[in-house]
Amino acid sequence: MRQFFEQNETIILFGHGLMFFTLGFAVWLQRRRASRLLLTHALIWLAAFAFIEAFAVWGRAFVPIQEGYLRPHLADALVVTRGVLQTAAFLFLVQFGLRLLAVSPRTRYAASVLSVVVWAAALSGSAVIAQSRGWGIHEWEWSAVAVSRLALLLPGAVLSAVGLWRQRGELAAAGMVAIKPYAAVAAGVLLVYALLGGLVLDPAPWLLGVDEAGWFRNTGVPLAVVRGLAGLVLCVVSVKLLDIFEVEAKQRLDALERARAVSDERARFRRDLHDGTIQTIYAAALHLEATAQRCPTDELRADVRSVVRDLNAAIDDIRRYITDLSETPDTPAGVATRLRKLAAELAVEAHTPIRVKVEGEDVAGPIPEGAGRHLKQITREGISNAARHAGPCAVDITLSFGEDELVLVIKDDGAGIDPAVISEHESQGMRNMRERARRLGGRLDVDSGPSGTRLVVSVPLDIEVPAPAPVPATHRQASEVITS
């Protein structure tokens, strides 16, 4: 068996790389599908890790073959490229784990910078030591990769496993109970990969523990086979996790059909009230008015006209109800119109310059039911927060429509909101905004600092659902500036 593995090392390495390449390609194909779940937003980092890991593994089979044909400096360049790719793959795995944990933007940024510093230190530090000790290019690569496995791959895989385990709750809350077990399996596979990839190292000159050669001597199975099997399981599980997009597409299609049914019913109510109920009441009021003129006494005439006034008041109430039923529809143009009107009103009330920019109205996918109402209230709360906490400032509102996503950004250039204040208001206005975003199937992120506060609402749309009728060109205004 040992001889078989040794004779077929190239095939084994090719299969190892193929598993990770397939994983990356499967996720990459879904990269433009919008989703409200944090897991799906983070999967692109897993795809980047898998792609680069695949090329690095293939390099272990490709580079030795080329070394017999290329000049020494070109062969050394291939070894350096392979080492850089291998360590960069671990860097992307760290980013995947950080995004799954849903840490604050500042924490994520600090951890990302630290991981890049560690990556650069592993490469440059190994180069300095290699030069001082007279190591060759292969010893440098082994040392850099071994350090990166310990400092990047091991914590990155553990972070990713913890993050996937936590995502089980979000999947259950989104009604995806059938997909929840696959997240648990993926977490377990990543923990195994953390042990196999982060603790069993390349044969670095300074290594005292178990390396790949020692693993093969002790087990009789190349480590590439075991890591490849882990990659295969992770690939299969990740493909099952990608069913999230199909489930969400079905949920959005169902919501769109309900919205259309509600819209048709509202239209029928408007017609029936206007053409039937109001006309009947109006005719009755006219008849009573004519009767009042024939009344023999002033007292009786006053009573009849009082009834007429009550009927006129009822007509006014019904007309207001019809107006409410005829509110701006949840189309891209309708949502944009609501936000523009709201910004104009609040600019006067708060004495704050508010700039509104709308993009992509003519390419947007179907808008979720209630989007106009919820986004209007989120915008109102965001501007109110800026007026209360940011001091003198201007507010920029950007509403961007895409085929598969709607993004609302509310940004002010004020003093920013203290994190303690954000935490204090989390149970009130901020919680309401997050709940409204969740009802639309989206999510809300808040980032505040000395340069101001930035509030982002992302709402997934579905490019596979037929879009509503095109909006007249007169409604497609690219931007509008409103000042107090």
Protein backbone atom coordinates (compact mmCIF):
# COMPACT_ATOMS: atom_id res chain seq x y z
CA MET A 1 0.00 0.00 0.00
CA ARG A 2 2.84 2.39 0.81
CA GLN A 3 4.38 1.69 -2.57
CA PHE A 4 1.05 2.36 -4.28
CA PHE A 5 0.73 5.75 -2.62
CA GLU A 6 4.33 6.66 -3.43
CA GLN A 7 3.92 5.70 -7.11
CA ASN A 8 0.69 7.63 -7.47
CA GLU A 9 1.63 10.75 -5.50
CA THR A 10 0.92 13.03 -8.45
CA ILE A 11 -2.59 11.61 -8.91
CA ILE A 12 -3.25 11.93 -5.17
CA LEU A 13 -2.17 15.57 -5.17
CA PHE A 14 -4.32 16.24 -8.23
CA GLY A 15 -7.36 14.72 -6.49
CA HIS A 16 -6.60 16.69 -3.32
CA GLY A 17 -6.52 19.95 -5.27
CA LEU A 18 -9.58 19.00 -7.32
CA MET A 19 -11.72 18.65 -4.19
CA PHE A 20 -10.92 22.20 -3.08
CA PHE A 21 -11.23 23.61 -6.60
CA THR A 22 -14.71 22.07 -6.90
CA LEU A 23 -15.67 23.59 -3.54
CA GLY A 24 -14.52 27.05 -4.61
CA PHE A 25 -16.20 26.78 -8.02
CA ALA A 26 -19.53 25.67 -6.54
CA VAL A 27 -19.63 28.66 -4.20
CA TRP A 28 -18.35 31.06 -6.88
CA LEU A 29 -21.25 30.14 -9.17
CA GLN A 30 -23.66 31.46 -6.52
CA ARG A 31 -21.70 34.67 -5.83
CA ARG A 32 -24.36 37.01 -7.29
CA ARG A 33 -27.28 35.50 -5.41
CA ALA A 34 -28.44 37.80 -2.63
CA SER A 35 -29.35 36.47 0.79
CA ARG A 36 -30.24 37.80 4.21
CA LEU A 37 -28.15 35.19 6.05
CA LEU A 38 -24.69 35.97 7.33
CA LEU A 39 -23.44 32.53 6.32
CA THR A 40 -24.07 33.10 2.61
CA HIS A 41 -22.33 36.48 2.70
CA ALA A 42 -19.24 34.84 4.20
CA LEU A 43 -19.09 31.84 1.83
CA ILE A 44 -17.23 33.81 -0.85
CA TRP A 45 -14.21 33.88 1.50
CA LEU A 46 -14.39 30.11 1.79
CA ALA A 47 -14.43 29.95 -2.01
CA ALA A 48 -11.30 32.14 -2.17
CA PHE A 49 -9.55 29.86 0.33
CA ALA A 50 -10.55 26.76 -1.64
CA PHE A 51 -9.43 28.14 -5.02
CA ILE A 52 -6.01 29.23 -3.76
CA GLU A 53 -5.53 26.03 -1.73
CA ALA A 54 -6.25 24.02 -4.91
CA PHE A 55 -3.61 25.85 -6.95
CA ALA A 56 -1.09 25.57 -4.12
CA VAL A 57 -1.66 21.79 -3.86
CA TRP A 58 -1.42 21.38 -7.62
CA GLY A 59 1.84 23.31 -7.43
CA ARG A 60 3.28 20.51 -5.31
CA ALA A 61 2.82 18.17 -8.27
CA PHE A 62 3.53 20.68 -11.05
CA VAL A 63 6.64 22.46 -9.76
CA PRO A 64 8.83 19.33 -9.26
CA ILE A 65 8.14 18.35 -12.86
CA GLN A 66 9.10 21.80 -14.15
CA GLU A 67 12.28 21.95 -12.09
CA GLY A 68 13.85 19.44 -14.46
CA TYR A 69 13.22 21.66 -17.48
CA LEU A 70 13.46 25.26 -16.30
CA ARG A 71 16.43 27.37 -15.39
CA PRO A 72 17.21 27.45 -11.64
CA HIS A 73 15.99 31.00 -11.10
CA LEU A 74 12.67 30.27 -12.85
CA ALA A 75 12.19 27.12 -10.83
CA ASP A 76 12.90 29.07 -7.64
CA ALA A 77 10.31 31.63 -8.70
CA LEU A 78 7.71 28.87 -9.00
CA VAL A 79 8.57 27.61 -5.52
CA VAL A 80 8.19 31.14 -4.10
CA THR A 81 4.84 31.53 -5.89
CA ARG A 82 3.67 28.23 -4.48
CA GLY A 83 4.64 29.24 -0.95
CA VAL A 84 2.94 32.62 -1.24
CA LEU A 85 -0.24 31.02 -2.58
CA GLN A 86 -0.30 28.38 0.14
CA THR A 87 0.05 30.90 2.96
CA ALA A 88 -2.43 33.31 1.31
CA ALA A 89 -5.05 30.54 1.30
CA PHE A 90 -4.80 30.34 5.09
CA LEU A 91 -5.26 34.12 5.25
CA PHE A 92 -8.60 33.87 3.43
CA LEU A 93 -9.76 31.11 5.77
CA VAL A 94 -9.20 33.50 8.68
CA GLN A 95 -11.38 36.09 6.92
CA PHE A 96 -14.12 33.47 6.48
CA GLY A 97 -14.09 32.72 10.20
CA LEU A 98 -14.13 36.39 11.20
CA ARG A 99 -17.21 37.09 9.09
CA LEU A 100 -19.05 34.06 10.39
CA LEU A 101 -18.59 35.25 13.96
CA ALA A 102 -20.39 38.52 13.18
CA VAL A 103 -17.94 40.64 15.16
CA SER A 104 -18.12 44.43 15.02
CA PRO A 105 -16.59 46.13 11.96
CA ARG A 106 -13.78 47.59 14.05
CA THR A 107 -12.89 44.23 15.57
CA ARG A 108 -13.03 42.54 12.18
CA TYR A 109 -10.83 45.22 10.65
CA ALA A 110 -8.28 44.98 13.47
CA ALA A 111 -8.20 41.18 13.27
CA SER A 112 -7.88 41.30 9.47
CA VAL A 113 -4.95 43.70 9.67
CA LEU A 114 -3.31 41.51 12.32
CA SER A 115 -3.70 38.42 10.14
CA VAL A 116 -2.10 40.20 7.18
CA VAL A 117 0.78 41.29 9.41
CA VAL A 118 1.25 37.70 10.60
CA TRP A 119 1.18 36.46 7.00
CA ALA A 120 3.77 39.01 5.89
CA ALA A 121 5.91 38.26 8.94
CA ALA A 122 5.85 34.52 8.20
CA LEU A 123 7.11 35.12 4.66
CA SER A 124 9.66 37.84 5.39
CA GLY A 125 10.83 36.37 8.71
CA SER A 126 11.48 32.98 7.12
CA ALA A 127 13.38 34.74 4.32
CA VAL A 128 15.63 36.53 6.83
CA ILE A 129 16.32 33.33 8.77
CA ALA A 130 16.91 31.39 5.54
CA GLN A 131 19.51 33.90 4.44
CA SER A 132 21.27 33.93 7.81
CA ARG A 133 21.40 30.12 8.07
CA GLY A 134 22.07 29.34 4.46
CA TRP A 135 18.77 27.57 3.75
CA GLY A 136 17.68 26.83 0.22
CA ILE A 137 14.46 28.01 -1.37
CA HIS A 138 12.61 24.84 -0.35
CA GLU A 139 13.61 25.22 3.30
CA TRP A 140 12.30 28.80 3.19
CA GLU A 141 8.99 27.60 1.76
CA TRP A 142 8.63 24.82 4.34
CA SER A 143 9.39 27.22 7.17
CA ALA A 144 6.98 29.94 5.94
CA VAL A 145 4.17 27.46 5.34
CA ALA A 146 4.70 25.75 8.70
CA VAL A 147 4.54 29.06 10.57
CA SER A 148 1.42 30.06 8.61
CA ARG A 149 -0.26 26.74 9.40
CA LEU A 150 0.24 27.33 13.11
CA ALA A 151 -0.51 31.07 13.14
CA LEU A 152 -3.22 31.32 10.44
CA LEU A 153 -4.68 27.98 9.36
CA LEU A 154 -5.21 26.58 12.85
CA PRO A 155 -7.01 29.65 14.31
CA GLY A 156 -8.79 30.31 11.01
CA ALA A 157 -10.23 26.80 10.82
CA VAL A 158 -11.25 26.90 14.49
CA LEU A 159 -12.92 30.31 14.06
CA SER A 160 -14.75 29.04 10.98
CA ALA A 161 -15.94 25.94 12.82
CA VAL A 162 -17.24 28.00 15.74
CA GLY A 163 -18.92 30.44 13.36
CA LEU A 164 -20.63 27.65 11.40
CA TRP A 165 -21.87 26.07 14.62
CA ARG A 166 -23.39 29.39 15.68
CA GLN A 167 -25.07 29.82 12.30
CA ARG A 168 -27.27 26.83 13.09
CA GLY A 169 -29.47 29.13 15.16
CA GLU A 170 -29.84 31.63 12.32
CA LEU A 171 -30.74 28.85 9.90
CA ALA A 172 -33.39 27.53 12.26
CA ALA A 173 -34.84 31.01 12.75
CA ALA A 174 -35.06 31.42 8.97
CA GLY A 175 -37.11 28.24 8.67
CA MET A 176 -34.25 26.17 7.20
CA VAL A 177 -34.26 23.34 9.72
CA ALA A 178 -33.36 20.79 7.04
CA ILE A 179 -30.14 22.67 6.22
CA LYS A 180 -29.13 23.17 9.84
CA PRO A 181 -27.40 19.74 10.27
CA TYR A 182 -25.09 20.45 7.33
CA ALA A 183 -23.71 23.49 9.12
CA ALA A 184 -22.91 21.26 12.09
CA VAL A 185 -21.16 18.72 9.85
CA ALA A 186 -19.17 21.47 8.14
CA ALA A 187 -18.09 22.76 11.55
CA GLY A 188 -16.88 19.28 12.50
CA VAL A 189 -14.96 18.87 9.22
CA LEU A 190 -13.23 22.20 9.74
CA LEU A 191 -12.15 21.16 13.22
CA VAL A 192 -10.64 17.99 11.77
CA TYR A 193 -8.97 20.06 9.07
CA ALA A 194 -7.61 22.38 11.75
CA LEU A 195 -5.85 19.40 13.36
CA LEU A 196 -4.63 17.84 10.11
CA GLY A 197 -3.67 21.09 8.43
CA GLY A 198 -2.65 23.21 11.38
CA LEU A 199 -0.74 20.79 13.59
CA VAL A 200 0.80 18.35 11.09
CA LEU A 201 3.26 20.67 9.40
CA ASP A 202 5.53 20.80 6.40
CA PRO A 203 9.09 19.53 7.08
CA ALA A 204 10.51 22.86 8.29
CA PRO A 205 14.19 22.81 9.37
CA TRP A 206 13.24 23.89 12.89
CA LEU A 207 10.33 21.46 13.26
CA LEU A 208 10.50 19.13 16.28
CA GLY A 209 6.99 17.63 16.14
CA VAL A 210 5.13 15.56 13.57
CA ASP A 211 5.60 16.50 9.92
CA GLU A 212 4.03 15.08 6.76
CA ALA A 213 6.78 12.50 6.30
CA GLY A 214 6.42 11.33 9.90
CA TRP A 215 2.67 11.03 9.45
CA PHE A 216 3.18 8.78 6.42
CA ARG A 217 5.70 6.62 8.27
CA ASN A 218 3.35 6.17 11.21
CA THR A 219 0.05 5.69 9.37
CA GLY A 220 0.99 4.44 5.92
CA VAL A 221 -1.50 6.91 4.38
CA PRO A 222 -0.29 10.17 2.81
CA LEU A 223 -1.57 13.26 4.55
CA ALA A 224 -2.72 14.55 1.14
CA VAL A 225 -5.25 11.68 1.01
CA VAL A 226 -6.72 12.53 4.41
CA ARG A 227 -6.81 16.27 3.70
CA GLY A 228 -8.35 15.57 0.30
CA LEU A 229 -11.08 13.47 1.91
CA ALA A 230 -11.76 16.30 4.36
CA GLY A 231 -12.00 18.64 1.38
CA LEU A 232 -14.40 16.25 -0.34
CA VAL A 233 -16.71 16.11 2.67
CA LEU A 234 -16.53 19.89 3.06
CA CYS A 235 -17.34 20.28 -0.64
CA VAL A 236 -20.42 18.03 -0.42
CA VAL A 237 -21.65 19.71 2.75
CA SER A 238 -21.08 23.20 1.31
CA VAL A 239 -23.09 22.29 -1.79
CA LYS A 240 -25.96 21.30 0.51
CA LEU A 241 -25.55 24.58 2.37
CA LEU A 242 -25.96 26.38 -0.96
CA ASP A 243 -29.56 25.14 -0.97
CA ILE A 244 -30.09 28.20 1.22
CA PHE A 245 -30.35 30.27 -1.96
CA GLU A 246 -33.07 28.05 -3.40
CA VAL A 247 -35.06 28.03 -0.16
CA GLU A 248 -34.84 31.81 0.10
CA ALA A 249 -35.83 32.19 -3.56
CA LYS A 250 -38.95 30.12 -2.91
CA GLN A 251 -39.73 32.14 0.22
CA ARG A 252 -39.40 35.39 -1.71
CA LEU A 253 -41.52 34.05 -4.58
CA ASP A 254 -44.24 33.08 -2.10
CA ALA A 255 -44.02 36.52 -0.50
CA LEU A 256 -44.27 38.19 -3.92
CA GLU A 257 -47.35 36.17 -4.81
CA ARG A 258 -48.95 37.12 -1.49
CA ALA A 259 -48.10 40.75 -2.13
CA ARG A 260 -49.69 40.64 -5.57
CA ALA A 261 -52.80 39.01 -4.13
CA VAL A 262 -53.02 41.70 -1.44
CA SER A 263 -52.50 44.42 -4.05
CA ASP A 264 -55.30 43.02 -6.23
CA GLU A 265 -57.61 42.80 -3.24
CA ARG A 266 -56.83 46.37 -2.21
CA ALA A 267 -57.57 47.54 -5.75
CA ARG A 268 -60.93 45.76 -5.64
CA PHE A 269 -61.75 47.38 -2.30
CA ARG A 270 -60.94 50.81 -3.73
CA ARG A 271 -63.19 50.29 -6.73
CA ASP A 272 -66.07 48.90 -4.68
CA LEU A 273 -65.88 51.69 -2.10
CA HIS A 274 -65.58 54.47 -4.67
CA ASP A 275 -68.05 53.24 -7.27
CA GLY A 276 -70.55 51.64 -4.92
CA THR A 277 -70.50 52.63 -1.25
CA ILE A 278 -69.62 56.31 -1.63
CA GLN A 279 -72.10 56.84 -4.47
CA THR A 280 -74.89 55.20 -2.45
CA ILE A 281 -74.17 57.32 0.63
CA TYR A 282 -73.87 60.45 -1.51
CA ALA A 283 -77.25 59.76 -3.16
CA ALA A 284 -78.82 59.21 0.27
CA ALA A 285 -77.37 62.51 1.49
CA LEU A 286 -78.82 64.36 -1.52
CA HIS A 287 -82.20 62.78 -0.94
CA LEU A 288 -82.15 63.80 2.73
CA GLU A 289 -81.13 67.34 1.79
CA ALA A 290 -84.11 67.57 -0.55
CA THR A 291 -86.31 66.17 2.23
CA ALA A 292 -84.98 68.78 4.65
CA GLN A 293 -86.18 71.58 2.38
CA ARG A 294 -89.71 70.19 2.56
CA CYS A 295 -89.77 69.75 6.33
CA PRO A 296 -92.64 71.66 7.99
CA THR A 297 -90.61 72.75 11.05
CA ASP A 298 -87.14 74.21 11.59
CA GLU A 299 -86.40 71.65 14.30
CA LEU A 300 -87.08 68.70 12.02
CA ARG A 301 -85.14 70.38 9.20
CA ALA A 302 -82.11 70.80 11.51
CA ASP A 303 -82.25 67.12 12.54
CA VAL A 304 -82.29 65.96 8.93
CA ARG A 305 -79.39 68.20 7.98
CA SER A 306 -77.44 66.89 10.97
CA VAL A 307 -77.81 63.41 9.50
CA VAL A 308 -76.60 64.79 6.15
CA ARG A 309 -73.47 66.18 7.84
CA ASP A 310 -72.83 62.79 9.43
CA LEU A 311 -73.14 61.13 6.03
CA ASN A 312 -70.71 63.65 4.49
CA ALA A 313 -68.26 62.94 7.31
CA ALA A 314 -68.58 59.22 6.58
CA ILE A 315 -67.85 59.90 2.90
CA ASP A 316 -64.71 61.83 3.89
CA ASP A 317 -63.58 58.95 6.11
CA ILE A 318 -64.09 56.46 3.31
CA ARG A 319 -62.16 58.67 0.89
CA ARG A 320 -59.24 58.84 3.35
CA TYR A 321 -59.37 55.08 3.63
CA ILE A 322 -59.28 54.81 -0.16
CA THR A 323 -56.28 57.14 -0.18
CA ASP A 324 -54.52 54.88 2.29
CA LEU A 325 -55.27 51.90 0.09
CA SER A 326 -53.86 53.85 -2.86
CA GLU A 327 -50.52 54.66 -1.18
CA THR A 328 -47.36 54.52 -3.26
CA PRO A 329 -46.86 50.90 -4.41
CA ASP A 330 -43.86 48.82 -3.47
CA THR A 331 -42.05 49.32 -6.75
CA PRO A 332 -38.53 50.78 -7.12
CA ALA A 333 -39.99 54.13 -8.16
CA GLY A 334 -42.59 53.98 -5.39
CA VAL A 335 -40.02 53.26 -2.68
CA ALA A 336 -37.77 56.02 -3.98
CA THR A 337 -40.67 58.50 -4.02
CA ARG A 338 -41.51 57.75 -0.39
CA LEU A 339 -37.93 58.33 0.73
CA ARG A 340 -37.63 61.57 -1.22
CA LYS A 341 -40.85 62.93 0.31
CA LEU A 342 -39.76 61.88 3.79
CA ALA A 343 -36.33 63.46 3.34
CA ALA A 344 -37.93 66.73 2.24
CA GLU A 345 -40.16 66.78 5.32
CA LEU A 346 -37.40 65.90 7.79
CA ALA A 347 -34.95 68.36 6.25
CA VAL A 348 -37.34 71.15 7.21
CA GLU A 349 -38.22 69.75 10.62
CA ALA A 350 -34.64 68.94 11.70
CA HIS A 351 -32.95 71.86 9.90
CA THR A 352 -30.49 69.35 8.44
CA PRO A 353 -29.28 69.13 4.82
CA ILE A 354 -30.37 65.76 3.44
CA ARG A 355 -29.12 64.52 0.08
CA VAL A 356 -30.93 61.63 -1.59
CA LYS A 357 -29.46 59.53 -4.38
CA VAL A 358 -31.30 56.70 -6.12
CA GLU A 359 -29.63 54.22 -8.46
CA GLY A 360 -30.74 51.27 -10.57
CA GLU A 361 -34.52 51.69 -10.51
CA ASP A 362 -34.85 50.18 -13.98
CA VAL A 363 -32.92 46.96 -13.23
CA ALA A 364 -34.30 45.99 -9.83
CA GLY A 365 -35.84 42.63 -9.12
CA PRO A 366 -39.25 42.31 -7.43
CA ILE A 367 -39.55 44.38 -4.23
CA PRO A 368 -40.70 42.60 -1.05
CA GLU A 369 -44.14 43.37 0.35
CA GLY A 370 -44.05 46.34 2.72
CA ALA A 371 -40.60 47.50 1.59
CA GLY A 372 -41.69 51.10 1.15
CA ARG A 373 -43.26 51.30 4.61
CA HIS A 374 -40.39 49.60 6.45
CA LEU A 375 -37.60 51.46 4.64
CA LYS A 376 -39.40 54.74 5.26
CA GLN A 377 -39.52 54.10 9.01
CA ILE A 378 -35.88 52.96 9.06
CA THR A 379 -34.90 56.15 7.28
CA ARG A 380 -36.94 58.26 9.68
CA GLU A 381 -35.26 56.63 12.69
CA GLY A 382 -31.80 56.93 11.13
CA ILE A 383 -32.20 60.64 10.41
CA SER A 384 -33.68 61.22 13.87
CA ASN A 385 -30.66 59.51 15.45
CA ALA A 386 -28.34 61.74 13.46
CA ALA A 387 -30.23 64.86 14.55
CA ARG A 388 -30.12 63.80 18.22
CA HIS A 389 -26.60 62.44 18.54
CA ALA A 390 -24.39 63.59 15.66
CA GLY A 391 -24.58 67.35 16.22
CA PRO A 392 -24.53 69.73 13.22
CA CYS A 393 -24.15 67.52 10.17
CA ALA A 394 -25.41 66.64 6.72
CA VAL A 395 -27.08 63.34 5.89
CA ASP A 396 -26.57 61.36 2.68
CA ILE A 397 -29.18 58.75 1.73
CA THR A 398 -28.29 56.32 -1.04
CA LEU A 399 -30.87 53.85 -2.31
CA SER A 400 -29.30 51.35 -4.71
CA PHE A 401 -31.36 48.78 -6.62
CA GLY A 402 -29.82 45.73 -8.24
CA GLU A 403 -31.21 42.63 -9.89
CA ASP A 404 -30.74 40.65 -6.69
CA GLU A 405 -30.33 43.17 -3.88
CA LEU A 406 -31.62 46.48 -2.54
CA VAL A 407 -29.22 48.51 -0.40
CA LEU A 408 -30.17 51.57 1.64
CA VAL A 409 -27.28 53.57 3.12
CA ILE A 410 -27.87 56.43 5.57
CA LYS A 411 -24.66 58.26 6.41
CA ASP A 412 -24.00 61.44 8.33
CA ASP A 413 -20.75 63.40 8.73
CA GLY A 414 -21.34 64.31 12.37
CA ALA A 415 -19.55 63.41 15.57
CA GLY A 416 -20.62 59.77 15.52
CA ILE A 417 -22.55 57.83 18.12
CA ASP A 418 -20.77 56.44 21.13
CA PRO A 419 -20.92 52.60 21.20
CA ALA A 420 -22.50 52.83 24.66
CA VAL A 421 -25.30 54.97 23.22
CA ILE A 422 -25.82 52.46 20.40
CA SER A 423 -26.03 49.68 22.96
CA GLU A 424 -28.49 51.70 25.05
CA HIS A 425 -30.78 52.30 22.08
CA GLU A 426 -30.49 48.72 20.82
CA SER A 427 -33.63 47.81 22.75
CA GLN A 428 -35.60 50.72 21.26
CA GLY A 429 -35.11 52.43 17.91
CA MET A 430 -32.18 50.32 16.79
CA ARG A 431 -34.00 47.11 17.63
CA ASN A 432 -37.04 48.32 15.68
CA MET A 433 -34.88 49.06 12.65
CA ARG A 434 -33.28 45.62 12.80
CA GLU A 435 -36.69 44.01 13.11
CA ARG A 436 -38.01 45.93 10.09
CA ALA A 437 -34.97 44.85 8.06
CA ARG A 438 -35.53 41.25 9.17
CA ARG A 439 -39.19 41.39 8.11
CA LEU A 440 -38.00 42.29 4.63
CA GLY A 441 -35.69 39.28 4.68
CA GLY A 442 -32.62 41.51 5.02
CA ARG A 443 -30.18 42.72 7.65
CA LEU A 444 -29.02 46.00 9.13
CA ASP A 445 -25.42 46.99 9.97
CA VAL A 446 -24.35 50.08 11.90
CA ASP A 447 -20.82 51.47 11.93
CA SER A 448 -20.05 54.64 13.87
CA GLY A 449 -16.81 56.53 14.37
CA PRO A 450 -15.32 60.02 14.60
CA SER A 451 -16.18 60.71 10.95
CA GLY A 452 -19.87 59.94 11.42
CA THR A 453 -22.34 57.09 11.46
CA ARG A 454 -23.12 54.75 8.58
CA LEU A 455 -26.28 52.65 8.60
CA VAL A 456 -26.66 49.99 5.88
CA VAL A 457 -29.80 47.98 5.14
CA SER A 458 -29.37 45.09 2.69
CA VAL A 459 -32.52 43.43 1.35
CA PRO A 460 -32.22 40.45 -1.03
CA LEU A 461 -34.27 40.43 -4.21
CA ASP A 462 -34.61 37.51 -6.60
CA ILE A 463 -33.46 37.74 -10.20
CA GLU A 464 -35.32 34.53 -11.05
CA VAL A 465 -38.74 36.04 -10.32
CA PRO A 466 -40.23 38.05 -13.23
CA ALA A 467 -39.90 41.74 -12.59
CA PRO A 468 -42.96 43.99 -12.48
CA ALA A 469 -43.94 46.23 -15.34
CA PRO A 470 -41.28 48.81 -16.27
CA VAL A 471 -41.44 52.17 -14.58
CA PRO A 472 -42.12 55.22 -16.77
CA ALA A 473 -38.97 57.12 -17.61
CA THR A 474 -40.27 60.27 -15.93
CA HIS A 475 -39.96 58.54 -12.56
CA ARG A 476 -36.35 57.45 -13.03
CA GLN A 477 -34.47 60.33 -11.51
CA ALA A 478 -30.88 59.50 -10.69
CA SER A 479 -30.55 61.78 -7.71
CA GLU A 480 -32.08 64.66 -5.85
CA VAL A 481 -30.66 67.15 -3.38
CA ILE A 482 -32.88 68.38 -0.53
CA THR A 483 -31.73 71.04 1.88
CA SER A 484 -33.42 72.62 4.83
